[in-house]
Amino acid sequence: MPDGGRPNGRSCAHLQLLGPGVTQVAGCTDCLSRGWRWVRLRLCVTCGHVGCCDSSRGMHAHDHYMRSGHPVVLSLASDEDWAWCFADQVFLTRSRECRSGHPRP
């Protein structure tokens, strides 16, 4: 996206879906079933489906959104602290003051 997913003045209408994160997962189930590798994992905060990121071969997190309409995924990468709303096209990040709380737009 031209604005890098961080548009000024735009917010996510799905913040109520965010809950506590997940600490361990086996991997992208769609990739595992095909014997593929993934780059990063994303957790659907609506149903708990774990899919791979858009930089991965299968782009299964995005595919899950397209099939289900579930709008928000949480990054499960240990070095990332954000969520993405597909519907509103915006990153959700935690403020420095609120690292233990929910992501915010």
C-alpha atoms as a PDB file:
ATOM      1  CA  MET A   1       0.000   0.000   0.000  1.00  0.00           C
ATOM      2  CA  PRO A   2       1.244   3.530  -0.726  1.00  0.00           C
ATOM      3  CA  ASP A   3       0.666   4.573   2.904  1.00  0.00           C
ATOM      4  CA  GLY A   4       2.445   1.486   4.279  1.00  0.00           C
ATOM      5  CA  GLY A   5      -0.674   0.397   6.140  1.00  0.00           C
ATOM      6  CA  ARG A   6      -0.317   3.268   8.560  1.00  0.00           C
ATOM      7  CA  PRO A   7      -2.793   5.853   7.318  1.00  0.00           C
ATOM      8  CA  ASN A   8      -3.311   8.975   9.357  1.00  0.00           C
ATOM      9  CA  GLY A   9      -6.813   9.342  10.706  1.00  0.00           C
ATOM     10  CA  ARG A  10      -7.953   5.838   9.766  1.00  0.00           C
ATOM     11  CA  SER A  11      -8.728   3.225  12.400  1.00  0.00           C
ATOM     12  CA  CYS A  12      -9.861  -0.357  12.754  1.00  0.00           C
ATOM     13  CA  ALA A  13     -13.506  -1.113  13.446  1.00  0.00           C
ATOM     14  CA  HIS A  14     -12.620  -4.593  14.743  1.00  0.00           C
ATOM     15  CA  LEU A  15     -10.554  -3.892  17.879  1.00  0.00           C
ATOM     16  CA  GLN A  16     -13.119  -5.707  20.029  1.00  0.00           C
ATOM     17  CA  LEU A  17     -11.980  -8.974  18.411  1.00  0.00           C
ATOM     18  CA  LEU A  18      -8.487  -8.721  19.884  1.00  0.00           C
ATOM     19  CA  GLY A  19      -7.731 -10.945  22.821  1.00  0.00           C
ATOM     20  CA  PRO A  20      -4.656 -12.482  24.383  1.00  0.00           C
ATOM     21  CA  GLY A  21      -2.021 -13.776  22.002  1.00  0.00           C
ATOM     22  CA  VAL A  22      -0.910 -17.372  21.490  1.00  0.00           C
ATOM     23  CA  THR A  23       2.538 -18.449  22.599  1.00  0.00           C
ATOM     24  CA  GLN A  24       3.121 -21.701  20.659  1.00  0.00           C
ATOM     25  CA  VAL A  25       1.738 -23.153  17.452  1.00  0.00           C
ATOM     26  CA  ALA A  26       2.826 -26.042  15.229  1.00  0.00           C
ATOM     27  CA  GLY A  27       2.802 -23.918  12.069  1.00  0.00           C
ATOM     28  CA  CYS A  28       0.628 -23.075   9.100  1.00  0.00           C
ATOM     29  CA  THR A  29      -1.691 -26.066   8.840  1.00  0.00           C
ATOM     30  CA  ASP A  30      -2.239 -25.529   5.108  1.00  0.00           C
ATOM     31  CA  CYS A  31       1.513 -25.460   4.434  1.00  0.00           C
ATOM     32  CA  LEU A  32       2.138 -28.442   6.730  1.00  0.00           C
ATOM     33  CA  SER A  33      -0.415 -30.511   4.815  1.00  0.00           C
ATOM     34  CA  ARG A  34       1.425 -29.736   1.540  1.00  0.00           C
ATOM     35  CA  GLY A  35       4.966 -30.095   2.873  1.00  0.00           C
ATOM     36  CA  TRP A  36       5.673 -26.386   2.264  1.00  0.00           C
ATOM     37  CA  ARG A  37       7.718 -23.947   4.336  1.00  0.00           C
ATOM     38  CA  TRP A  38       6.402 -20.590   5.507  1.00  0.00           C
ATOM     39  CA  VAL A  39       8.067 -17.277   6.349  1.00  0.00           C
ATOM     40  CA  ARG A  40       5.940 -15.863   9.198  1.00  0.00           C
ATOM     41  CA  LEU A  41       2.767 -17.036  10.916  1.00  0.00           C
ATOM     42  CA  ARG A  42      -0.441 -15.086  11.493  1.00  0.00           C
ATOM     43  CA  LEU A  43      -3.252 -15.931  13.921  1.00  0.00           C
ATOM     44  CA  CYS A  44      -6.877 -15.176  13.028  1.00  0.00           C
ATOM     45  CA  VAL A  45      -8.230 -13.482  16.144  1.00  0.00           C
ATOM     46  CA  THR A  46     -11.798 -14.482  15.253  1.00  0.00           C
ATOM     47  CA  CYS A  47     -11.411 -18.271  15.093  1.00  0.00           C
ATOM     48  CA  GLY A  48      -7.773 -19.091  15.920  1.00  0.00           C
ATOM     49  CA  HIS A  49      -6.785 -20.318  12.440  1.00  0.00           C
ATOM     50  CA  VAL A  50      -3.026 -20.101  11.930  1.00  0.00           C
ATOM     51  CA  GLY A  51      -1.868 -19.240   8.422  1.00  0.00           C
ATOM     52  CA  CYS A  52       1.304 -18.054   6.760  1.00  0.00           C
ATOM     53  CA  CYS A  53       2.021 -14.446   5.806  1.00  0.00           C
ATOM     54  CA  ASP A  54       1.819 -12.832   2.368  1.00  0.00           C
ATOM     55  CA  SER A  55       5.591 -13.304   1.938  1.00  0.00           C
ATOM     56  CA  SER A  56       5.081 -17.068   2.178  1.00  0.00           C
ATOM     57  CA  ARG A  57       4.380 -19.312  -0.784  1.00  0.00           C
ATOM     58  CA  GLY A  58       0.781 -20.078   0.199  1.00  0.00           C
ATOM     59  CA  MET A  59      -0.303 -16.713   1.673  1.00  0.00           C
ATOM     60  CA  HIS A  60      -2.744 -18.787   3.754  1.00  0.00           C
ATOM     61  CA  ALA A  61      -3.605 -16.088   6.319  1.00  0.00           C
ATOM     62  CA  HIS A  62      -4.823 -13.825   3.510  1.00  0.00           C
ATOM     63  CA  ASP A  63      -6.606 -16.748   1.859  1.00  0.00           C
ATOM     64  CA  HIS A  64      -8.364 -17.469   5.173  1.00  0.00           C
ATOM     65  CA  TYR A  65      -9.564 -13.859   5.317  1.00  0.00           C
ATOM     66  CA  MET A  66     -10.870 -14.042   1.744  1.00  0.00           C
ATOM     67  CA  ARG A  67     -12.778 -17.277   2.434  1.00  0.00           C
ATOM     68  CA  SER A  68     -14.030 -16.488   5.958  1.00  0.00           C
ATOM     69  CA  GLY A  69     -14.264 -12.694   6.122  1.00  0.00           C
ATOM     70  CA  HIS A  70     -12.435 -12.766   9.476  1.00  0.00           C
ATOM     71  CA  PRO A  71     -10.718  -9.363   9.358  1.00  0.00           C
ATOM     72  CA  VAL A  72      -7.853  -9.310  11.891  1.00  0.00           C
ATOM     73  CA  VAL A  73      -4.686 -11.396  12.157  1.00  0.00           C
ATOM     74  CA  LEU A  74      -2.063 -11.193  14.871  1.00  0.00           C
ATOM     75  CA  SER A  75       1.585 -11.729  13.992  1.00  0.00           C
ATOM     76  CA  LEU A  76       3.003 -14.745  15.828  1.00  0.00           C
ATOM     77  CA  ALA A  77       6.622 -13.865  15.038  1.00  0.00           C
ATOM     78  CA  SER A  78       8.623 -13.393  18.239  1.00  0.00           C
ATOM     79  CA  ASP A  79      10.186 -10.183  16.887  1.00  0.00           C
ATOM     80  CA  GLU A  80       6.869  -8.623  15.785  1.00  0.00           C
ATOM     81  CA  ASP A  81       4.287  -6.985  18.026  1.00  0.00           C
ATOM     82  CA  TRP A  82       1.393  -6.051  15.754  1.00  0.00           C
ATOM     83  CA  ALA A  83      -1.846  -7.120  14.138  1.00  0.00           C
ATOM     84  CA  TRP A  84      -3.260  -6.379  10.676  1.00  0.00           C
ATOM     85  CA  CYS A  85      -6.837  -5.633   9.746  1.00  0.00           C
ATOM     86  CA  PHE A  86      -7.487  -6.837   6.187  1.00  0.00           C
ATOM     87  CA  ALA A  87     -10.891  -5.133   6.056  1.00  0.00           C
ATOM     88  CA  ASP A  88      -9.688  -1.684   7.140  1.00  0.00           C
ATOM     89  CA  GLN A  89      -6.180  -2.072   5.646  1.00  0.00           C
ATOM     90  CA  VAL A  90      -4.411  -0.848   8.764  1.00  0.00           C
ATOM     91  CA  PHE A  91      -1.668  -2.101  11.109  1.00  0.00           C
ATOM     92  CA  LEU A  92      -2.496  -2.279  14.793  1.00  0.00           C
ATOM     93  CA  THR A  93       0.476  -1.791  17.106  1.00  0.00           C
ATOM     94  CA  ARG A  94       0.946  -1.675  20.863  1.00  0.00           C
ATOM     95  CA  SER A  95       2.042   1.608  22.338  1.00  0.00           C
ATOM     96  CA  ARG A  96       5.237   1.600  24.402  1.00  0.00           C
ATOM     97  CA  GLU A  97       3.186   2.343  27.520  1.00  0.00           C
ATOM     98  CA  CYS A  98       0.898  -0.629  26.872  1.00  0.00           C
ATOM     99  CA  ARG A  99       3.142  -3.498  25.738  1.00  0.00           C
ATOM    100  CA  SER A 100       1.156  -6.040  27.756  1.00  0.00           C
ATOM    101  CA  GLY A 101      -2.204  -4.853  26.432  1.00  0.00           C
ATOM    102  CA  HIS A 102      -4.029  -5.055  23.139  1.00  0.00           C
ATOM    103  CA  PRO A 103      -2.731  -3.612  19.875  1.00  0.00           C
ATOM    104  CA  ARG A 104      -4.149  -0.253  18.842  1.00  0.00           C
ATOM    105  CA  PRO A 105      -4.456   1.476  15.486  1.00  0.00           C
END
